Amino acid sequence: MDRFVFLTIDGLSRGAVYAAFALALVLIWRAARVVNFAQGAMAVAAAYVAYTVATATGSYWLGFLVAIGAGLLLGALVDRVVMRHVDHASPLNPVIVALGLVLLIQAVLGMVYGNEFRPAEAPFSRSALTVAGVAVLSPYDLFVFAAIGVVVSGLAWMFARTPVGLRMRAAAFAPEVSRLLGVNVGGMLTLGWALASGVGALAAMLVLPTELGLHPHAMDLVFVSAFTGAVVGGLDSPPGAVVGGLVVGLLLSYVSGYAGSDLTPLAVLVLLLAVLLVRPGGLFAPVAARRV
C-alpha cells in the first residue's frame, strides 16, 4: 500500500508537468491548427538560457524567470519569422517545418553548449516527507503542483474572463469574422504561440531537475508523453489536456514501479493507440451533432 501511495503521488507530480506541456500543445493547436513538434526543442532552448543566466549570476530564480521570458519571446519569433510564412494548404507543411526547427535548434544548442549532460538543480529538496511512516510529497513536488496550478488557473481565467482571452478564442474559431469585427487575428495568433512556448519553458524548468539533466534532447521523451496526454484528453480541450497529462503521469509511474522502466515507452504507445482507435478526437472532445 505504501508503494502504491508513493507511486500515485510521484505520478501526479510528473503528470502535472506533462499536463502543462500538453496544454501548451493544445494552445497552439486551437490557435493555428498546428501540432508544434518543435515545442520540446524550444523549451530546452529556454532552459539553456536559464542555465546560462543562473551560472553567471548564481541565482536560480532569476534564471527561472528569464527562461519563461525567453520562452515567450521564442514562441513569438517562431510564429512571426517562420510559421507565418508557411503555406498551410497542406497540413503536412507546418509539420515538416516544425521538425526542421527541432533539428536546427538541437544542432545549435549542441554546437554552443556541447552534447554532455549539464546539471539542473532543483530549488527545493526532492526528499519525500513522511506522514505516518508513508513517503508522500517532497517540497519540490509541492512547488511543481503550485506552479502548474497557478498557470492553469491563470490561463483558464484569461480565456474565460478577459477581453484578450475572448479575442484569442474568437480568432482561433472564426478568424474571418473576427477580422471583420476589428480583432487583430495575427496578433492573437502570435500571443498564442508566445503563451504556449512560455508554458513549455516552465514545464522544462520543472521536469529537468527530475531527469538526468540539461541536454539538447532532454525534452524528447517528455514531448512524447505530453503529446500522448494531449491526444488522450483531446487537442481541442484544455481541461482534457490537463487530465490527459495526469493520466499519462500515473500510467508511467505505475508501469515503472511495478513492471520496470523499460516498459514505459511501450505503455505510452499502447495508451496512444487505444485512444486513437476508440475515440480519435480524445476523451474530452465535443460530440459532433448528427446531420440528417
Protein backbone atom coordinates (compact mmCIF):
# COMPACT_ATOMS: atom_id res chain seq x y z
CA MET A 1 0.00 0.00 0.00
CA ASP A 2 2.85 2.38 0.87
CA ARG A 3 4.38 1.74 -2.53
CA PHE A 4 1.09 2.43 -4.29
CA VAL A 5 0.66 5.74 -2.44
CA PHE A 6 4.23 6.78 -3.30
CA LEU A 7 3.82 5.86 -6.97
CA THR A 8 0.49 7.69 -7.15
CA ILE A 9 1.93 10.90 -5.73
CA ASP A 10 5.03 10.62 -7.92
CA GLY A 11 2.83 10.02 -10.97
CA LEU A 12 0.65 13.03 -10.20
CA SER A 13 3.73 15.23 -9.77
CA ARG A 14 5.19 14.14 -13.09
CA GLY A 15 1.76 14.19 -14.70
CA ALA A 16 1.31 17.83 -13.68
CA VAL A 17 4.34 18.72 -15.80
CA TYR A 18 3.01 16.64 -18.70
CA ALA A 19 -0.31 18.43 -18.26
CA ALA A 20 1.35 21.84 -18.60
CA PHE A 21 3.26 20.73 -21.68
CA ALA A 22 0.13 19.17 -23.19
CA LEU A 23 -1.71 22.42 -22.50
CA ALA A 24 0.97 24.27 -24.49
CA LEU A 25 0.37 21.94 -27.44
CA VAL A 26 -3.39 22.49 -27.17
CA LEU A 27 -2.96 26.27 -27.10
CA ILE A 28 -1.13 26.24 -30.43
CA TRP A 29 -3.50 23.69 -31.94
CA ARG A 30 -6.54 25.78 -31.03
CA ALA A 31 -4.91 28.96 -32.32
CA ALA A 32 -3.29 27.75 -35.55
CA ARG A 33 -4.44 24.15 -36.10
CA VAL A 34 -0.78 23.09 -35.96
CA VAL A 35 0.81 20.41 -33.77
CA ASN A 36 4.06 22.09 -32.78
CA PHE A 37 6.56 19.24 -32.85
CA ALA A 38 9.28 21.79 -32.05
CA GLN A 39 7.74 22.51 -28.64
CA GLY A 40 10.24 20.31 -26.79
CA ALA A 41 13.28 21.77 -28.52
CA MET A 42 12.02 25.31 -27.91
CA ALA A 43 11.55 24.52 -24.22
CA VAL A 44 15.10 23.15 -23.97
CA ALA A 45 16.44 26.30 -25.63
CA ALA A 46 14.72 28.40 -22.97
CA ALA A 47 16.13 26.12 -20.25
CA TYR A 48 19.64 26.63 -21.63
CA VAL A 49 19.11 30.40 -21.39
CA ALA A 50 18.13 29.89 -17.74
CA TYR A 51 21.25 27.76 -17.19
CA THR A 52 23.45 30.50 -18.66
CA VAL A 53 21.86 33.23 -16.53
CA ALA A 54 21.88 31.15 -13.34
CA THR A 55 25.53 30.19 -13.86
CA ALA A 56 26.54 33.80 -14.49
CA THR A 57 24.57 35.31 -11.60
CA GLY A 58 24.29 32.43 -9.13
CA SER A 59 20.52 33.00 -8.87
CA TYR A 60 18.21 30.11 -9.74
CA TRP A 61 15.12 32.29 -9.56
CA LEU A 62 16.49 34.87 -11.96
CA GLY A 63 17.27 32.07 -14.41
CA PHE A 64 13.78 30.65 -13.85
CA LEU A 65 12.10 33.95 -14.73
CA VAL A 66 14.41 34.55 -17.69
CA ALA A 67 13.58 31.06 -19.03
CA ILE A 68 9.86 31.87 -19.09
CA GLY A 69 10.57 35.21 -20.74
CA ALA A 70 12.83 33.53 -23.28
CA GLY A 71 10.08 31.01 -23.99
CA LEU A 72 7.56 33.77 -24.61
CA LEU A 73 9.95 35.60 -26.94
CA LEU A 74 10.97 32.44 -28.80
CA GLY A 75 7.35 31.47 -29.40
CA ALA A 76 6.54 34.90 -30.83
CA LEU A 77 9.63 34.79 -33.06
CA VAL A 78 8.84 31.32 -34.37
CA ASP A 79 5.36 32.45 -35.34
CA ARG A 80 6.40 35.75 -36.90
CA VAL A 81 9.59 34.64 -38.63
CA VAL A 82 8.82 31.03 -39.55
CA MET A 83 5.27 29.75 -39.22
CA ARG A 84 3.57 32.88 -40.54
CA HIS A 85 5.24 32.26 -43.92
CA VAL A 86 4.42 28.55 -44.22
CA ASP A 87 1.85 27.53 -46.81
CA HIS A 88 -0.97 25.87 -44.86
CA ALA A 89 -2.65 24.45 -47.97
CA SER A 90 -1.30 21.06 -46.93
CA PRO A 91 -1.40 20.10 -43.23
CA LEU A 92 1.99 18.41 -43.67
CA ASN A 93 3.79 21.67 -44.45
CA PRO A 94 3.83 23.10 -40.89
CA VAL A 95 4.66 19.65 -39.52
CA ILE A 96 7.72 19.38 -41.75
CA VAL A 97 8.78 22.92 -40.87
CA ALA A 98 8.38 22.17 -37.14
CA LEU A 99 10.50 19.03 -37.47
CA GLY A 100 13.11 21.10 -39.29
CA LEU A 101 13.07 23.55 -36.39
CA VAL A 102 13.72 20.67 -33.99
CA LEU A 103 16.85 19.67 -35.92
CA LEU A 104 18.02 23.28 -36.19
CA ILE A 105 17.52 24.17 -32.52
CA GLN A 106 19.10 20.96 -31.24
CA ALA A 107 22.07 21.35 -33.58
CA VAL A 108 22.67 24.95 -32.49
CA LEU A 109 22.39 24.01 -28.81
CA GLY A 110 24.84 21.15 -29.34
CA MET A 111 27.36 23.45 -31.04
CA VAL A 112 27.08 26.17 -28.40
CA TYR A 113 26.79 24.12 -25.20
CA GLY A 114 28.01 20.69 -26.23
CA ASN A 115 26.18 17.38 -26.03
CA GLU A 116 27.08 16.42 -22.48
CA PHE A 117 24.51 16.48 -19.72
CA ARG A 118 24.64 19.58 -17.54
CA PRO A 119 23.25 19.65 -14.00
CA ALA A 120 19.74 21.00 -13.48
CA GLU A 121 19.37 21.91 -9.84
CA ALA A 122 16.05 21.89 -8.01
CA PRO A 123 15.25 24.96 -5.88
CA PHE A 124 13.78 22.79 -3.11
CA SER A 125 14.57 19.42 -1.62
CA ARG A 126 13.37 16.36 -3.53
CA SER A 127 13.40 14.18 -0.42
CA ALA A 128 9.88 12.97 0.27
CA LEU A 129 8.22 14.00 3.51
CA THR A 130 6.80 11.14 5.57
CA VAL A 131 3.33 11.07 7.08
CA ALA A 132 2.51 8.15 9.40
CA GLY A 133 5.55 6.34 8.05
CA VAL A 134 4.46 6.75 4.42
CA ALA A 135 6.60 8.77 1.99
CA VAL A 136 4.41 11.41 0.37
CA LEU A 137 5.15 14.73 -1.30
CA SER A 138 8.56 16.36 -1.32
CA PRO A 139 8.94 20.15 -1.07
CA TYR A 140 9.81 20.18 -4.76
CA ASP A 141 6.61 18.26 -5.59
CA LEU A 142 4.62 20.91 -3.74
CA PHE A 143 6.38 23.59 -5.75
CA VAL A 144 5.56 21.79 -9.01
CA PHE A 145 1.87 21.45 -8.09
CA ALA A 146 1.69 25.10 -7.04
CA ALA A 147 3.40 26.38 -10.20
CA ILE A 148 1.25 24.29 -12.54
CA GLY A 149 -1.90 25.18 -10.61
CA VAL A 150 -1.18 28.90 -10.91
CA VAL A 151 -0.51 28.61 -14.66
CA VAL A 152 -3.58 26.50 -15.44
CA SER A 153 -5.85 28.69 -13.29
CA GLY A 154 -4.40 31.86 -14.82
CA LEU A 155 -4.91 30.63 -18.38
CA ALA A 156 -8.46 29.48 -17.58
CA TRP A 157 -9.27 32.87 -16.09
CA MET A 158 -7.70 34.72 -19.03
CA PHE A 159 -9.63 32.78 -21.68
CA ALA A 160 -12.94 32.95 -19.83
CA ARG A 161 -12.89 36.37 -18.17
CA THR A 162 -10.66 38.80 -20.06
CA PRO A 163 -11.17 40.61 -23.39
CA VAL A 164 -7.81 39.34 -24.64
CA GLY A 165 -8.79 35.75 -23.95
CA LEU A 166 -12.12 36.18 -25.71
CA ARG A 167 -10.36 37.71 -28.73
CA MET A 168 -7.94 34.80 -28.83
CA ARG A 169 -10.81 32.32 -28.79
CA ALA A 170 -12.67 34.23 -31.49
CA ALA A 171 -9.55 34.49 -33.66
CA ALA A 172 -8.99 30.75 -33.35
CA PHE A 173 -12.52 29.60 -34.18
CA ALA A 174 -13.69 32.29 -36.63
CA PRO A 175 -10.71 34.28 -37.94
CA GLU A 176 -12.52 35.89 -40.90
CA VAL A 177 -15.45 37.05 -38.81
CA SER A 178 -13.05 38.27 -36.12
CA ARG A 179 -11.18 40.39 -38.67
CA LEU A 180 -14.43 42.00 -39.73
CA LEU A 181 -15.12 42.84 -36.08
CA GLY A 182 -11.74 44.52 -35.71
CA VAL A 183 -9.81 41.74 -33.94
CA ASN A 184 -6.09 41.62 -34.72
CA VAL A 185 -6.06 37.94 -35.67
CA GLY A 186 -2.36 37.89 -36.45
CA GLY A 187 -1.52 39.42 -33.09
CA MET A 188 -3.74 36.95 -31.27
CA LEU A 189 -2.04 34.09 -33.09
CA THR A 190 1.39 35.39 -32.08
CA LEU A 191 0.20 35.73 -28.49
CA GLY A 192 -0.99 32.12 -28.57
CA TRP A 193 2.41 30.93 -29.76
CA ALA A 194 4.15 33.02 -27.12
CA LEU A 195 1.96 31.74 -24.29
CA ALA A 196 2.37 28.13 -25.40
CA SER A 197 6.13 28.47 -25.60
CA GLY A 198 6.26 30.16 -22.21
CA VAL A 199 4.25 27.34 -20.64
CA GLY A 200 6.55 24.84 -22.35
CA ALA A 201 9.60 26.62 -20.90
CA LEU A 202 8.02 26.44 -17.43
CA ALA A 203 7.40 22.71 -17.89
CA ALA A 204 11.03 22.19 -18.92
CA MET A 205 12.31 24.04 -15.85
CA LEU A 206 10.10 21.87 -13.64
CA VAL A 207 10.86 18.48 -15.18
CA LEU A 208 14.61 18.74 -15.92
CA PRO A 209 15.70 18.52 -12.24
CA THR A 210 13.91 15.16 -12.07
CA GLU A 211 15.70 13.82 -15.16
CA LEU A 212 19.39 13.27 -15.99
CA GLY A 213 19.92 17.00 -16.51
CA LEU A 214 20.09 19.54 -19.29
CA HIS A 215 20.81 18.22 -22.80
CA PRO A 216 19.75 19.25 -26.31
CA HIS A 217 17.49 16.18 -26.45
CA ALA A 218 16.37 16.32 -22.82
CA MET A 219 12.71 17.03 -23.63
CA ASP A 220 12.22 14.49 -26.42
CA LEU A 221 10.59 11.82 -24.25
CA VAL A 222 8.71 14.46 -22.28
CA PHE A 223 7.24 15.73 -25.55
CA VAL A 224 6.09 12.21 -26.49
CA SER A 225 4.40 11.77 -23.11
CA ALA A 226 2.81 15.23 -23.22
CA PHE A 227 1.64 14.73 -26.80
CA THR A 228 0.02 11.47 -25.71
CA GLY A 229 -1.68 13.33 -22.86
CA ALA A 230 -2.97 15.98 -25.27
CA VAL A 231 -4.35 13.30 -27.61
CA VAL A 232 -5.92 11.38 -24.72
CA GLY A 233 -7.72 14.47 -23.47
CA GLY A 234 -8.40 15.94 -26.91
CA LEU A 235 -6.41 18.56 -28.80
CA ASP A 236 -9.41 20.91 -28.69
CA SER A 237 -9.89 20.63 -24.93
CA PRO A 238 -7.60 22.47 -22.45
CA PRO A 239 -9.19 20.67 -19.47
CA GLY A 240 -8.73 17.41 -21.37
CA ALA A 241 -5.02 18.19 -21.82
CA VAL A 242 -4.65 18.61 -18.07
CA VAL A 243 -6.48 15.37 -17.30
CA GLY A 244 -4.63 13.54 -20.07
CA GLY A 245 -1.26 14.67 -18.74
CA LEU A 246 -2.14 13.45 -15.25
CA VAL A 247 -3.31 10.10 -16.67
CA VAL A 248 -0.03 9.64 -18.56
CA GLY A 249 1.97 10.55 -15.47
CA LEU A 250 0.13 7.99 -13.35
CA LEU A 251 0.46 5.33 -16.05
CA LEU A 252 4.22 5.84 -16.36
CA SER A 253 4.66 5.82 -12.59
CA TYR A 254 2.70 2.58 -12.10
CA VAL A 255 4.35 0.79 -15.02
CA SER A 256 7.82 1.89 -13.95
CA GLY A 257 7.20 0.97 -10.32
CA TYR A 258 5.56 -2.43 -10.85
CA ALA A 259 6.86 -3.66 -14.22
CA GLY A 260 10.12 -1.79 -14.80
CA SER A 261 11.12 1.42 -16.54
CA ASP A 262 11.95 -0.43 -19.76
CA LEU A 263 8.23 -0.89 -20.43
CA THR A 264 7.21 2.75 -20.01
CA PRO A 265 7.65 3.71 -23.71
CA LEU A 266 5.52 0.71 -24.69
CA ALA A 267 2.84 1.69 -22.17
CA VAL A 268 2.63 5.21 -23.64
CA LEU A 269 2.36 3.79 -27.16
CA VAL A 270 -0.39 1.36 -26.16
CA LEU A 271 -2.37 4.14 -24.48
CA LEU A 272 -1.99 6.38 -27.54
CA LEU A 273 -3.12 3.66 -29.93
CA ALA A 274 -6.04 2.69 -27.73
CA VAL A 275 -7.39 6.25 -27.59
CA LEU A 276 -6.90 6.75 -31.33
CA LEU A 277 -8.80 3.54 -32.06
CA VAL A 278 -11.65 4.06 -29.59
CA ARG A 279 -12.08 7.85 -29.58
CA PRO A 280 -9.75 9.58 -32.06
CA GLY A 281 -10.83 13.07 -31.01
CA GLY A 282 -9.86 12.44 -27.40
CA LEU A 283 -11.85 11.62 -24.29
CA PHE A 284 -12.95 15.24 -23.80
CA ALA A 285 -13.61 16.06 -27.44
CA PRO A 286 -17.01 17.66 -28.06
CA VAL A 287 -19.54 15.36 -29.63
CA ALA A 288 -20.41 16.50 -33.12
CA ALA A 289 -24.07 16.94 -33.88
CA ARG A 290 -25.57 14.47 -36.30
CA ARG A 291 -26.82 15.81 -39.58
CA VAL A 292 -29.77 14.29 -41.35
